[in-house]
Amino acid sequence: MKYTVEQLIDALVAEWEYLCHDDYDPDDPTPEEYRKELEEYTYDELIEETSTDECFTIDEYMDTYG
């Protein structure tokens, strides 16, 4: 495990804030609500939530949002 669960959650929330800033929808959860949701995910589910692959790696994702 290269990244901790907390690091992944922090990065996913940072990405969420960035995306919501650019495309606000009042029906979207707040960053705090999204964090609570993510805290229920397993490590593998968090990795999947990043939507990373061989073209945009987890390391690149963490450099961007982590």
Protein backbone atom coordinates (compact mmCIF):
# COMPACT_ATOMS: atom_id res chain seq x y z
CA MET A 1 0.00 0.00 0.00
CA LYS A 2 1.76 3.13 -1.23
CA TYR A 3 -0.92 5.58 -0.07
CA THR A 4 -2.96 5.48 3.10
CA VAL A 5 -6.74 5.45 3.20
CA GLU A 6 -6.66 8.98 4.65
CA GLN A 7 -4.42 10.24 1.83
CA LEU A 8 -6.75 8.76 -0.77
CA ILE A 9 -9.82 10.27 0.89
CA ASP A 10 -8.12 13.67 1.13
CA ALA A 11 -7.22 13.53 -2.57
CA LEU A 12 -10.71 12.43 -3.61
CA VAL A 13 -12.27 15.26 -1.59
CA ALA A 14 -9.81 17.74 -3.14
CA GLU A 15 -10.80 16.52 -6.60
CA TRP A 16 -14.49 16.78 -5.61
CA GLU A 17 -14.04 20.38 -4.49
CA TYR A 18 -12.27 21.21 -7.75
CA LEU A 19 -14.99 19.60 -9.86
CA CYS A 20 -17.84 21.19 -7.89
CA HIS A 21 -16.19 24.60 -8.14
CA ASP A 22 -16.24 24.33 -11.94
CA ASP A 23 -19.68 22.74 -12.26
CA TYR A 24 -21.75 23.53 -9.16
CA ASP A 25 -24.98 21.58 -8.66
CA PRO A 26 -26.99 22.22 -5.48
CA ASP A 27 -28.01 18.55 -5.43
CA ASP A 28 -24.39 17.39 -5.10
CA PRO A 29 -23.17 16.42 -1.64
CA THR A 30 -20.96 18.90 0.18
CA PRO A 31 -17.27 18.02 0.54
CA GLU A 32 -17.98 17.03 4.15
CA GLU A 33 -20.83 14.73 3.09
CA TYR A 34 -18.66 13.23 0.35
CA ARG A 35 -15.85 12.62 2.88
CA LYS A 36 -18.29 10.78 5.19
CA GLU A 37 -19.39 8.64 2.25
CA LEU A 38 -15.79 7.84 1.31
CA GLU A 39 -14.96 6.82 4.87
CA GLU A 40 -17.21 3.80 4.33
CA TYR A 41 -15.25 2.63 1.27
CA THR A 42 -12.64 -0.10 1.29
CA TYR A 43 -9.11 0.64 0.12
CA ASP A 44 -9.82 -1.00 -3.24
CA GLU A 45 -13.05 1.00 -3.65
CA LEU A 46 -11.14 4.22 -2.99
CA ILE A 47 -8.58 3.31 -5.65
CA GLU A 48 -11.42 2.56 -8.07
CA GLU A 49 -13.07 5.90 -7.24
CA THR A 50 -9.94 7.71 -8.46
CA SER A 51 -10.60 6.34 -11.97
CA THR A 52 -6.89 5.86 -12.50
CA ASP A 53 -5.36 3.49 -15.02
CA GLU A 54 -2.19 3.06 -17.04
CA CYS A 55 -2.78 6.41 -18.82
CA PHE A 56 -3.42 8.45 -15.65
CA THR A 57 -1.72 6.58 -12.84
CA ILE A 58 -2.44 6.69 -9.13
CA ASP A 59 0.88 8.49 -8.66
CA GLU A 60 -0.17 11.18 -11.14
CA TYR A 61 -3.55 11.43 -9.45
CA MET A 62 -1.95 11.88 -6.03
CA ASP A 63 0.50 14.46 -7.42
CA THR A 64 -2.49 16.40 -8.75
CA TYR A 65 -4.93 16.10 -5.84
CA GLY A 66 -3.00 14.62 -2.92
